[in-house]
Protein backbone atom coordinates (compact mmCIF):
# COMPACT_ATOMS: atom_id res chain seq x y z
CA MET A 1 0.00 0.00 0.00
CA GLU A 2 1.13 3.59 -0.70
CA TRP A 3 0.91 4.72 2.89
CA ILE A 4 3.42 2.11 4.14
CA THR A 5 6.52 4.29 4.45
CA ALA A 6 9.19 4.57 7.13
CA GLU A 7 7.64 7.82 8.44
CA ASN A 8 4.14 6.35 8.61
CA VAL A 9 5.34 3.19 10.34
CA ILE A 10 7.14 5.29 12.97
CA ALA A 11 4.01 7.43 13.44
CA LEU A 12 1.80 4.39 13.84
CA GLY A 13 4.26 2.77 16.23
CA THR A 14 4.36 5.93 18.33
CA ALA A 15 0.55 6.10 18.40
CA LEU A 16 0.31 2.48 19.44
CA LEU A 17 2.89 2.97 22.17
CA GLY A 18 1.00 5.98 23.48
CA VAL A 19 -2.27 4.04 23.58
CA LEU A 20 -0.62 1.15 25.41
CA VAL A 21 0.90 3.51 27.96
CA SER A 22 -2.46 5.16 28.60
CA VAL A 23 -4.21 1.82 28.94
CA ALA A 24 -1.52 0.64 31.34
CA VAL A 25 -1.88 3.80 33.44
CA VAL A 26 -5.65 3.44 33.69
CA TRP A 27 -5.39 -0.28 34.36
CA ILE A 28 -2.86 0.07 37.17
CA ASP A 29 -4.53 3.13 38.64
CA ARG A 30 -8.18 2.20 38.39
CA ILE A 31 -8.95 -1.40 37.63
CA SER A 32 -8.34 -4.50 39.73
CA PRO A 33 -8.08 -8.02 38.28
CA GLN A 34 -11.46 -9.54 37.47
CA ARG A 35 -11.87 -12.27 40.08
CA LYS A 36 -14.80 -13.16 42.24
CA ARG A 37 -14.68 -11.30 45.52
CA LEU A 38 -16.85 -11.22 48.62
CA GLY A 39 -16.40 -8.03 50.60
CA TYR A 40 -17.47 -7.18 54.12
CA ARG A 41 -17.25 -4.15 56.35
CA VAL A 42 -18.42 -2.94 59.76
CA GLN A 43 -21.03 -0.20 59.40
CA LEU A 44 -21.94 0.08 63.07
CA ASN A 45 -20.14 -0.89 66.29
CA THR A 46 -21.68 0.70 69.33
CA PRO A 47 -22.11 -0.31 72.99
CA LEU A 48 -25.60 -0.60 74.46
CA HIS A 49 -26.68 0.46 77.94
CA ARG A 50 -29.54 -1.22 79.76
CA GLU A 51 -32.54 0.94 80.64
CA GLU A 52 -35.41 0.11 82.96
CA ASP A 53 -38.25 0.78 80.50
CA ARG A 54 -39.28 -1.24 77.41
CA ASP A 55 -38.06 1.53 75.14
CA SER A 56 -34.53 0.22 75.72
CA GLU A 57 -35.07 -2.92 73.61
CA VAL A 58 -33.15 -2.94 70.35
CA MET A 59 -35.43 -3.34 67.32
CA THR A 60 -34.93 -3.84 63.61
CA VAL A 61 -37.43 -3.35 60.78
CA ARG A 62 -37.46 -5.61 57.68
CA GLU A 63 -40.00 -5.02 54.92
CA GLY A 64 -42.45 -3.52 57.37
CA GLN A 65 -42.24 -6.25 60.02
CA VAL A 66 -40.76 -5.43 63.43
CA VAL A 67 -38.41 -8.05 64.87
CA GLY A 68 -37.18 -7.68 68.45
CA MET A 69 -33.79 -8.72 69.75
CA ALA A 70 -32.91 -9.60 73.31
CA PRO A 71 -32.66 -6.73 75.83
CA PRO A 72 -29.02 -5.66 76.12
CA ALA A 73 -26.85 -6.62 79.06
CA ASN A 74 -24.68 -4.02 80.78
CA GLU A 75 -21.76 -4.64 78.42
CA SER A 76 -23.69 -5.52 75.25
CA THR A 77 -22.57 -4.23 71.86
CA LEU A 78 -24.49 -3.87 68.61
CA VAL A 79 -22.55 -4.56 65.38
CA LEU A 80 -23.90 -4.06 61.84
CA LEU A 81 -22.05 -5.94 59.08
CA ARG A 82 -22.53 -5.49 55.34
CA ILE A 83 -21.58 -8.50 53.19
CA GLU A 84 -21.58 -7.92 49.43
CA ASN A 85 -20.42 -9.06 45.99
CA ASP A 86 -18.14 -6.16 45.09
CA ARG A 87 -16.93 -7.45 41.73
CA ASP A 88 -18.50 -8.00 38.28
CA LEU A 89 -18.65 -11.83 38.43
CA ASP A 90 -21.61 -13.58 40.05
CA ILE A 91 -20.97 -15.70 43.17
CA SER A 92 -22.91 -18.99 43.31
CA SER A 93 -23.50 -21.26 46.30
CA GLU A 94 -21.11 -23.75 44.67
CA ASP A 95 -18.24 -21.24 44.84
CA TYR A 96 -17.90 -21.55 48.62
CA GLY A 97 -15.10 -23.94 49.49
CA ALA A 98 -15.60 -27.22 51.29
CA ALA A 99 -15.75 -26.88 55.10
CA ALA A 100 -16.19 -29.08 58.15
CA HIS A 101 -19.74 -27.76 58.50
CA PRO A 102 -22.30 -27.00 55.79
CA HIS A 103 -22.28 -23.21 56.29
CA GLY A 104 -20.38 -21.00 53.88
CA LEU A 105 -19.04 -18.37 56.31
CA ARG A 106 -18.13 -18.23 60.00
CA ILE A 107 -17.93 -14.75 61.56
CA THR A 108 -16.11 -14.36 64.87
CA PHE A 109 -15.94 -11.43 67.28
CA GLY A 110 -12.83 -12.11 69.32
CA GLU A 111 -13.84 -13.59 72.67
CA ARG A 112 -17.36 -12.09 72.70
CA ASN A 113 -20.42 -14.37 72.63
CA VAL A 114 -23.20 -13.80 70.12
CA GLU A 115 -26.50 -13.09 71.87
CA GLY A 116 -28.60 -12.57 68.76
CA VAL A 117 -28.39 -12.03 65.02
CA VAL A 118 -30.82 -10.65 62.43
CA ALA A 119 -30.33 -10.58 58.64
CA THR A 120 -31.81 -7.87 56.43
CA VAL A 121 -32.13 -8.10 52.64
CA PRO A 122 -33.36 -5.37 50.25
CA ALA A 123 -36.87 -6.00 48.97
CA GLY A 124 -36.93 -7.84 45.66
CA TRP A 125 -33.84 -9.98 46.20
CA VAL A 126 -35.86 -13.10 46.89
CA SER A 127 -33.07 -15.57 46.07
CA VAL A 128 -30.75 -13.97 48.65
CA ARG A 129 -33.44 -14.17 51.31
CA ASP A 130 -34.22 -17.79 50.39
CA ASP A 131 -30.54 -18.75 50.67
CA LEU A 132 -30.39 -17.25 54.17
CA GLU A 133 -33.54 -19.17 55.19
CA ARG A 134 -32.65 -22.48 53.55
CA THR A 135 -31.17 -25.24 55.72
CA PRO A 136 -28.57 -24.87 57.11
CA ARG A 137 -30.05 -21.55 58.15
CA LEU A 138 -28.40 -18.43 59.51
CA GLY A 139 -27.49 -19.18 63.11
CA ARG A 140 -25.01 -18.69 65.95
CA ASP A 141 -22.59 -20.92 67.79
CA GLY A 142 -21.13 -19.39 70.92
CA SER A 143 -18.81 -16.64 69.76
CA ALA A 144 -19.57 -17.07 66.07
CA VAL A 145 -22.31 -16.32 63.53
CA LEU A 146 -22.82 -19.10 60.95
CA VAL A 147 -23.88 -17.85 57.51
CA PRO A 148 -25.30 -20.15 54.77
CA LYS A 149 -23.82 -20.37 51.26
CA VAL A 150 -25.58 -17.33 49.78
CA ALA A 151 -25.48 -16.77 46.01
CA LEU A 152 -24.90 -13.08 45.18
CA GLU A 153 -25.13 -11.48 41.79
CA ARG A 154 -23.11 -8.39 40.94
CA GLY A 155 -23.92 -5.59 43.39
CA GLN A 156 -26.11 -7.74 45.70
CA TYR A 157 -25.59 -7.66 49.45
CA PHE A 158 -27.17 -8.45 52.80
CA LYS A 159 -26.62 -7.07 56.28
CA LEU A 160 -26.26 -8.78 59.65
CA LEU A 161 -27.23 -7.03 62.89
CA VAL A 162 -25.39 -8.82 65.71
CA GLN A 163 -25.77 -8.35 69.47
CA LEU A 164 -22.65 -9.30 71.46
CA SER A 165 -21.95 -9.94 75.13
CA GLY A 166 -19.40 -7.12 75.37
CA ARG A 167 -17.40 -4.57 73.47
CA VAL A 168 -15.33 -5.61 70.47
CA ALA A 169 -12.80 -3.79 68.29
CA ASP A 170 -13.40 -3.62 64.54
CA LYS A 171 -10.08 -5.37 63.90
CA ASP A 172 -11.24 -8.40 65.94
CA ILE A 173 -14.26 -8.99 63.68
CA LYS A 174 -13.22 -11.61 61.15
CA ILE A 175 -14.82 -13.83 58.52
CA GLU A 176 -13.59 -17.37 57.99
CA GLY A 177 -14.33 -19.14 54.70
CA THR A 178 -13.03 -19.70 51.19
CA LEU A 179 -14.26 -18.63 47.77
CA GLN A 180 -13.16 -20.71 44.80
CA GLY A 181 -11.81 -18.54 42.01
CA GLY A 182 -11.79 -15.48 44.27
CA SER A 183 -11.26 -14.10 47.74
CA ILE A 184 -12.97 -12.77 50.86
CA TRP A 185 -11.71 -9.42 52.07
CA ARG A 186 -12.53 -6.49 54.32
CA ASN A 187 -13.51 -3.56 52.11
CA ARG A 188 -14.70 -0.03 52.73
CA SER A 189 -17.33 2.28 51.30
CA THR A 190 -15.45 4.23 48.65
CA THR A 191 -15.53 5.36 45.07
CA PRO A 192 -12.62 4.96 42.63
CA ASP A 193 -11.88 8.69 42.89
CA GLU A 194 -11.23 8.29 46.63
CA LYS A 195 -8.33 5.84 46.07
CA ALA A 196 -4.84 7.17 46.60
CA ALA A 197 -3.46 8.23 43.24
CA ARG A 198 -0.41 6.36 41.98
CA PHE A 199 0.23 9.05 39.35
CA SER A 200 -0.09 12.78 39.85
CA PRO A 201 -3.06 14.48 38.12
CA THR A 202 -0.61 16.51 36.01
CA ALA A 203 1.26 13.42 34.78
CA ARG A 204 -2.02 11.67 34.00
CA ASN A 205 -3.38 14.67 32.07
CA VAL A 206 -0.15 15.08 30.09
CA THR A 207 -0.21 11.39 29.15
CA VAL A 208 -3.79 11.64 27.91
CA ILE A 209 -3.15 14.85 25.91
CA LEU A 210 0.02 13.51 24.26
CA THR A 211 -1.72 10.27 23.33
CA ALA A 212 -4.62 12.18 21.79
CA CYS A 213 -2.20 14.30 19.74
CA VAL A 214 -0.31 11.27 18.45
CA MET A 215 -3.57 9.53 17.50
CA VAL A 216 -4.70 12.61 15.56
CA LEU A 217 -1.33 12.67 13.77
CA ALA A 218 -1.66 9.00 12.87
CA SER A 219 -5.20 9.48 11.58
CA ILE A 220 -3.99 12.30 9.29
CA ILE A 221 -1.12 10.23 7.88
CA VAL A 222 -3.10 7.03 7.39
CA ARG A 223 -6.25 8.03 5.57
CA GLU A 224 -7.90 4.63 5.63
CA GLN A 225 -11.37 3.72 6.86
CA THR A 226 -11.33 2.12 10.31
CA PRO A 227 -12.08 -1.60 9.90
CA PRO A 228 -14.75 -3.30 11.97
CA PRO A 229 -13.72 -5.05 15.23
CA ILE A 230 -11.64 -8.17 14.60
CA GLY A 231 -13.81 -11.30 14.58
CA CYS A 232 -17.16 -9.54 14.36
CA ALA A 233 -19.70 -10.13 11.61
CA GLU A 234 -23.04 -8.60 10.71
CA GLY A 235 -26.32 -10.34 9.92
CA SER A 236 -28.78 -12.68 11.67
CA LEU A 237 -28.12 -16.07 13.28
CA THR A 238 -30.39 -18.65 14.93
CA VAL A 239 -29.03 -20.79 17.76
CA THR A 240 -31.16 -23.80 18.64
CA GLY A 241 -30.91 -27.16 20.40
CA SER A 242 -30.26 -27.87 24.08
CA THR A 243 -32.68 -26.26 26.54
CA ALA A 244 -30.25 -27.07 29.37
CA PHE A 245 -27.56 -24.94 27.71
CA ALA A 246 -30.01 -22.23 26.57
CA PRO A 247 -29.41 -19.85 29.56
CA VAL A 248 -25.70 -19.76 28.65
CA LEU A 249 -26.47 -19.18 24.97
CA ARG A 250 -28.79 -16.26 25.72
CA LYS A 251 -26.12 -14.51 27.80
CA VAL A 252 -23.44 -15.13 25.18
CA ALA A 253 -25.78 -13.84 22.47
CA GLU A 254 -26.38 -10.63 24.44
CA ALA A 255 -22.64 -10.13 24.92
CA TYR A 256 -21.89 -10.75 21.24
CA GLU A 257 -24.57 -8.32 20.03
CA LYS A 258 -23.16 -5.69 22.38
CA ASP A 259 -19.59 -6.22 21.17
CA CYS A 260 -20.49 -6.54 17.47
CA GLU A 261 -22.94 -3.95 16.18
CA GLY A 262 -25.13 -5.00 13.29
CA SER A 263 -25.50 -8.59 14.49
CA THR A 264 -28.68 -10.34 15.67
CA VAL A 265 -28.44 -13.70 17.45
CA VAL A 266 -31.75 -15.42 18.26
CA VAL A 267 -31.74 -18.33 20.74
CA ASP A 268 -34.66 -20.67 20.07
CA ALA A 269 -34.06 -23.92 21.98
CA HIS A 270 -36.44 -26.91 21.88
CA GLY A 271 -34.14 -29.80 22.80
CA SER A 272 -30.93 -31.29 21.43
CA THR A 273 -32.46 -33.74 18.96
CA SER A 274 -35.01 -31.20 17.76
CA GLY A 275 -32.20 -28.70 17.18
CA ILE A 276 -30.20 -31.19 15.08
CA ARG A 277 -33.27 -31.85 12.93
CA GLU A 278 -33.92 -28.12 12.53
CA LEU A 279 -30.31 -27.56 11.41
CA ALA A 280 -30.51 -30.47 8.95
CA ALA A 281 -33.77 -29.14 7.49
CA ALA A 282 -32.28 -25.65 7.06
CA GLY A 283 -29.18 -27.13 5.42
CA ALA A 284 -31.27 -29.17 2.96
CA LYS A 285 -33.06 -25.98 1.88
CA THR A 286 -29.79 -24.12 1.30
CA PRO A 287 -28.47 -25.14 -2.15
CA LYS A 288 -25.05 -23.58 -1.59
CA GLY A 289 -23.06 -22.76 1.50
CA SER A 290 -24.08 -23.11 5.14
CA PRO A 291 -27.31 -21.72 6.68
CA ALA A 292 -27.02 -19.25 9.56
CA VAL A 293 -28.02 -21.87 12.15
CA ILE A 294 -26.04 -23.43 15.02
CA ALA A 295 -27.46 -26.40 16.98
CA LEU A 296 -26.22 -27.19 20.51
CA SER A 297 -26.48 -30.79 21.69
CA ASP A 298 -25.97 -32.46 25.07
CA GLY A 299 -23.65 -35.15 23.78
CA ARG A 300 -22.90 -36.15 20.21
CA ARG A 301 -25.61 -35.96 17.55
CA PRO A 302 -27.48 -39.12 16.55
CA GLY A 303 -26.34 -40.95 13.40
CA GLY A 304 -27.54 -40.14 9.91
CA TYR A 305 -26.35 -36.55 9.52
CA PRO A 306 -23.01 -36.75 7.68
CA GLN A 307 -23.14 -33.10 6.56
CA LEU A 308 -22.93 -31.74 10.12
CA ARG A 309 -19.64 -30.48 11.55
CA GLU A 310 -19.11 -30.52 15.30
CA SER A 311 -17.19 -28.35 17.77
CA MET A 312 -16.75 -29.18 21.45
CA VAL A 313 -17.83 -26.23 23.60
CA ALA A 314 -18.04 -27.20 27.28
CA VAL A 315 -18.50 -29.94 29.83
CA SER A 316 -21.95 -29.77 31.44
CA LEU A 317 -22.97 -31.24 34.77
CA PHE A 318 -26.50 -32.50 35.39
CA THR A 319 -28.24 -33.51 38.59
CA LEU A 320 -31.26 -35.40 39.85
CA VAL A 321 -33.79 -33.27 41.75
CA LEU A 322 -36.33 -34.49 44.30
CA ASN A 323 -39.39 -32.92 45.91
CA ASP A 324 -38.58 -31.61 49.40
CA GLY A 325 -41.25 -33.87 50.90
CA ILE A 326 -38.95 -36.88 50.42
CA PRO A 327 -36.04 -36.77 52.94
CA VAL A 328 -33.49 -38.37 50.61
CA ASP A 329 -30.41 -36.54 49.34
CA ASP A 330 -28.32 -39.47 48.11
CA LEU A 331 -29.27 -42.41 45.88
CA THR A 332 -27.13 -45.26 44.63
CA LEU A 333 -27.00 -46.08 40.94
CA ASP A 334 -28.86 -49.31 41.68
CA GLN A 335 -31.67 -47.46 43.49
CA ILE A 336 -32.00 -44.96 40.61
CA ARG A 337 -32.24 -47.74 38.07
CA ARG A 338 -34.82 -49.63 40.15
CA LEU A 339 -36.90 -46.45 40.40
CA TYR A 340 -36.86 -45.96 36.62
CA ARG A 341 -37.58 -49.65 35.92
CA GLY A 342 -40.67 -49.47 38.09
CA ASP A 343 -39.25 -51.87 40.72
CA ILE A 344 -39.74 -49.18 43.39
CA THR A 345 -43.18 -47.59 43.20
CA ASN A 346 -43.39 -46.07 46.70
CA TRP A 347 -40.75 -44.13 48.59
CA ASN A 348 -41.37 -46.23 51.70
CA ALA A 349 -39.15 -48.86 50.09
CA LEU A 350 -36.24 -46.47 50.74
CA VAL A 351 -37.66 -44.44 53.65
CA PRO A 352 -40.06 -46.61 55.71
CA SER A 353 -41.62 -43.57 57.41
CA VAL A 354 -42.67 -41.98 54.09
CA ASP A 355 -45.74 -43.45 52.36
CA GLN A 356 -45.70 -41.59 49.03
CA PRO A 357 -45.99 -42.98 45.47
CA VAL A 358 -43.03 -42.39 43.16
CA LEU A 359 -43.66 -39.89 40.31
CA LEU A 360 -41.09 -39.87 37.49
CA VAL A 361 -40.99 -36.45 35.80
CA SER A 362 -38.97 -36.75 32.58
CA ARG A 363 -38.14 -34.83 29.42
CA ASP A 364 -39.46 -35.72 25.97
CA ALA A 365 -37.54 -37.71 23.36
CA ASN A 366 -35.96 -34.54 21.90
CA SER A 367 -34.10 -33.80 25.11
CA GLY A 368 -30.34 -34.16 25.28
CA THR A 369 -30.55 -34.06 29.09
CA ARG A 370 -32.72 -37.17 28.96
CA GLU A 371 -30.38 -38.86 26.46
CA VAL A 372 -27.40 -38.21 28.75
CA PHE A 373 -29.36 -39.53 31.75
CA GLN A 374 -30.25 -42.74 29.89
CA ARG A 375 -26.72 -43.30 28.62
CA ARG A 376 -24.64 -42.20 31.62
CA VAL A 377 -26.88 -43.14 34.56
CA LEU A 378 -29.56 -45.69 33.62
CA GLY A 379 -27.63 -47.61 30.99
CA ARG A 380 -30.93 -48.11 29.16
CA ASN A 381 -34.00 -46.17 27.97
CA GLU A 382 -36.57 -44.83 30.40
CA PRO A 383 -39.90 -46.69 30.62
CA ALA A 384 -42.87 -45.66 28.49
CA ASN A 385 -44.89 -42.54 29.25
CA SER A 386 -47.85 -43.49 31.48
CA SER A 387 -49.36 -40.13 32.50
CA ARG A 388 -50.31 -36.90 30.75
CA ASP A 389 -50.65 -34.73 33.86
CA CYS A 390 -47.84 -36.31 35.95
CA GLU A 391 -50.36 -37.11 38.70
CA ASN A 392 -52.78 -39.74 37.39
CA LEU A 393 -51.96 -43.09 35.80
CA ASP A 394 -53.32 -43.32 32.24
CA ASP A 395 -51.88 -46.77 31.54
CA PRO A 396 -53.35 -49.34 33.99
CA GLU A 397 -50.56 -51.80 33.18
CA ALA A 398 -47.74 -49.39 34.01
CA GLU A 399 -45.82 -50.02 37.23
CA VAL A 400 -45.16 -46.36 38.00
CA ILE A 401 -46.44 -42.92 37.00
CA ARG A 402 -44.10 -41.31 34.45
CA CYS A 403 -44.74 -38.16 32.41
CA GLU A 404 -42.77 -36.27 29.75
CA LEU A 405 -42.40 -32.47 29.58
CA ASP A 406 -41.03 -30.11 26.94
CA SER A 407 -38.44 -28.10 28.90
CA THR A 408 -36.16 -28.03 31.91
CA GLU A 409 -38.25 -25.25 33.48
CA GLN A 410 -41.39 -27.41 33.30
CA VAL A 411 -39.59 -30.34 34.93
CA LEU A 412 -38.34 -28.19 37.81
CA SER A 413 -41.71 -26.56 38.54
CA THR A 414 -43.51 -29.92 38.39
CA VAL A 415 -41.06 -31.68 40.73
CA ALA A 416 -41.33 -28.79 43.19
CA ARG A 417 -45.14 -28.93 43.06
CA LEU A 418 -45.87 -32.68 43.27
CA PRO A 419 -45.06 -34.74 46.40
CA GLY A 420 -42.97 -37.80 45.60
CA ALA A 421 -41.75 -36.41 42.26
CA ILE A 422 -38.20 -36.94 40.99
CA GLY A 423 -36.63 -35.51 37.82
CA TYR A 424 -33.37 -34.25 36.35
CA THR A 425 -31.89 -30.98 35.15
CA GLU A 426 -28.74 -29.11 34.19
CA LEU A 427 -26.76 -28.23 37.34
CA ARG A 428 -27.20 -24.43 37.47
CA SER A 429 -30.95 -24.67 36.77
CA GLY A 430 -31.38 -26.92 39.82
CA SER A 431 -30.08 -24.34 42.31
CA GLY A 432 -31.93 -21.67 44.24
CA LEU A 433 -35.40 -23.18 43.73
CA LYS A 434 -37.97 -23.73 46.48
CA GLY A 435 -39.73 -27.05 46.92
CA LEU A 436 -36.99 -29.35 45.62
CA HIS A 437 -33.38 -30.31 46.28
CA ARG A 438 -30.47 -31.92 44.45
CA VAL A 439 -29.66 -35.59 44.92
CA ALA A 440 -26.15 -37.07 45.05
CA VAL A 441 -25.32 -40.27 43.15
CA ASP A 442 -23.38 -42.94 45.09
CA GLY A 443 -22.27 -40.25 47.52
CA ARG A 444 -20.91 -38.01 44.78
CA ARG A 445 -22.34 -34.58 44.02
CA ALA A 446 -22.17 -32.49 40.88
CA VAL A 447 -19.24 -30.13 41.63
CA LEU A 448 -17.62 -28.26 38.74
CA ASP A 449 -14.13 -28.16 40.24
CA GLU A 450 -14.18 -31.94 40.78
CA ILE A 451 -14.79 -32.81 37.12
CA GLY A 452 -12.11 -35.26 36.05
CA GLU A 453 -11.26 -36.34 39.61
CA SER A 454 -14.73 -37.42 40.73
CA SER A 455 -16.58 -40.53 39.53
CA TYR A 456 -19.85 -38.57 39.36
CA PRO A 457 -21.53 -40.06 36.25
CA TYR A 458 -24.18 -37.53 35.18
CA ARG A 459 -22.13 -35.23 32.93
CA GLU A 460 -21.68 -34.70 29.21
CA ILE A 461 -19.88 -32.61 26.60
CA GLU A 462 -21.85 -29.84 24.91
CA TYR A 463 -21.36 -29.94 21.12
CA ALA A 464 -22.08 -27.16 18.63
CA TYR A 465 -23.09 -28.27 15.12
CA THR A 466 -23.11 -26.41 11.79
CA TRP A 467 -24.14 -27.52 8.31
CA GLY A 468 -20.76 -28.12 6.75
CA ASP A 469 -17.99 -25.60 7.32
CA PRO A 470 -19.39 -22.03 7.41
CA PRO A 471 -17.36 -19.29 5.67
CA ALA A 472 -14.64 -17.82 7.87
CA ASP A 473 -16.12 -14.30 7.57
CA SER A 474 -19.72 -15.38 8.34
CA LEU A 475 -21.68 -14.61 11.49
CA THR A 476 -22.01 -18.36 12.10
CA SER A 477 -18.24 -18.83 12.21
CA SER A 478 -17.68 -15.65 14.22
CA PHE A 479 -20.25 -16.50 16.90
CA LEU A 480 -19.01 -20.09 17.18
CA THR A 481 -15.47 -18.82 17.80
CA TYR A 482 -16.78 -16.27 20.33
CA LEU A 483 -18.65 -19.05 22.15
CA SER A 484 -16.01 -21.76 22.21
CA ARG A 485 -12.74 -19.82 22.41
CA GLY A 486 -13.56 -16.14 22.97
CA SER A 487 -15.28 -14.07 25.62
CA GLY A 488 -18.14 -16.57 25.78
CA GLN A 489 -15.93 -18.78 27.95
CA ASP A 490 -16.39 -16.41 30.90
CA VAL A 491 -20.18 -16.75 30.59
CA ILE A 492 -19.90 -20.54 30.31
CA ARG A 493 -17.86 -20.74 33.52
CA THR A 494 -20.17 -18.37 35.40
CA HIS A 495 -23.14 -20.63 34.59
CA GLY A 496 -21.49 -23.71 36.07
CA HIS A 497 -19.98 -25.31 32.95
CA LEU A 498 -16.32 -26.06 32.18
CA PRO A 499 -15.16 -24.57 28.84
CA CYS A 500 -13.41 -27.12 26.62
CA ALA A 501 -10.81 -24.48 25.63
CA THR A 502 -9.33 -24.36 29.16
CA PRO A 503 -6.37 -26.63 29.99
CA LYS A 504 -8.52 -28.88 32.18
CA GLY A 505 -11.39 -28.74 29.69
CA LEU A 506 -9.10 -29.78 26.82
CA ARG A 507 -8.11 -32.94 28.68
CA ILE A 508 -11.66 -33.91 29.67
CA CYS A 509 -13.25 -33.05 26.32
CA GLY A 510 -10.45 -34.92 24.56
CA ASP A 511 -11.25 -38.05 26.60
CA GLY A 512 -14.92 -37.75 25.53
């Protein structure tokens, strides 16, 4: 090109160096590494003095309801703690490290005993409140407050009002616990502008002005139209297939559309097998090239579609879920298989004190989650459908009531509603819901960080399929790269899946 001269190369190099310097300044001065972080701080630490009249009782108000705490002793102290997610990444209940007890956090106050504790949550954050109320609940143990494993999205928080037996210094208030992929630290209420500057305002302003001047110089020398962002493509794309992976796909689609203007990505999931058929039908109608359709499948596609090309995206964990009315949180593989063969028709065969018929709530034949369950857990197909409403037996010869539903959401709501119901779901979808609980298999639970080391069987690789090889500059190719190797990996990890492109993911996905 005509503009490639020694002078222009020097100008461009100078501009690039200036930009990198400015970015480095802002990064060092303003931005911390993006890791999960749980922050806490003391917002109130005041001694209480006992009075003779009832007006001396300490009260707290939560959503209009007045809750009383114990009257203070002579040396009582009232402490208000704020516990919050102060980073951009969501914190799930699975992120809390393993501990000797089932609580996520243990808060100590030196040698002072805890006389009472009250949690307050802003109205509307129902999931945070439910986590605090779910067993094991918020409680106290001598000189400590025990806090459940509370999932917190970006910016969410809750407060603890604690009454102690005596005075305590702020420095003696400590939180014990671990956060996988992050840290727990004592923060403070501050804005970025309140942080101590590492560069003087004059030096920072000079750097910005010089960089702006160099960029203007470079734009004058190189009179070329700015190309679109690397890897982006315009147009419309349909992503179909797995309903279990659909929440991830929707988030990735939102991120891609934000990063790449002029693109529209529609997620329309109806099950893995249904998605493969939809892709094949679209490909058959496209005489040349590859249609703008990607199908996600829980496990490899069925046979008979030689035109499809596959890419491994992530390792997904699935879990059995059981109605809370059945006090069982661990089943052996043999017990699961007997339940789905119809050998066990009443839960009293496993829990003598519970007289409740077994209800099998399953997905339809298009479901990849069901296919994985049959292949990895049952070792055979599920029995025939015997009920349309999941409550009444339509087939008088069937041994057990079994119904089929169209989506993961329907399975979860039905299991939570019907006593004796058992079903299955993708791991993240089975958390934070009332009326049901996860079930371990042979003592093993679905834990993302234990993939590869644990013998937990209910897992599978998520595959992305295209019709042939899409053009390198197409939206199909661009989005697939974004999902499997680009920024979509952060979304995949946040939703409880292991990206295949990570070092650990490469080994597990390579083993199949």
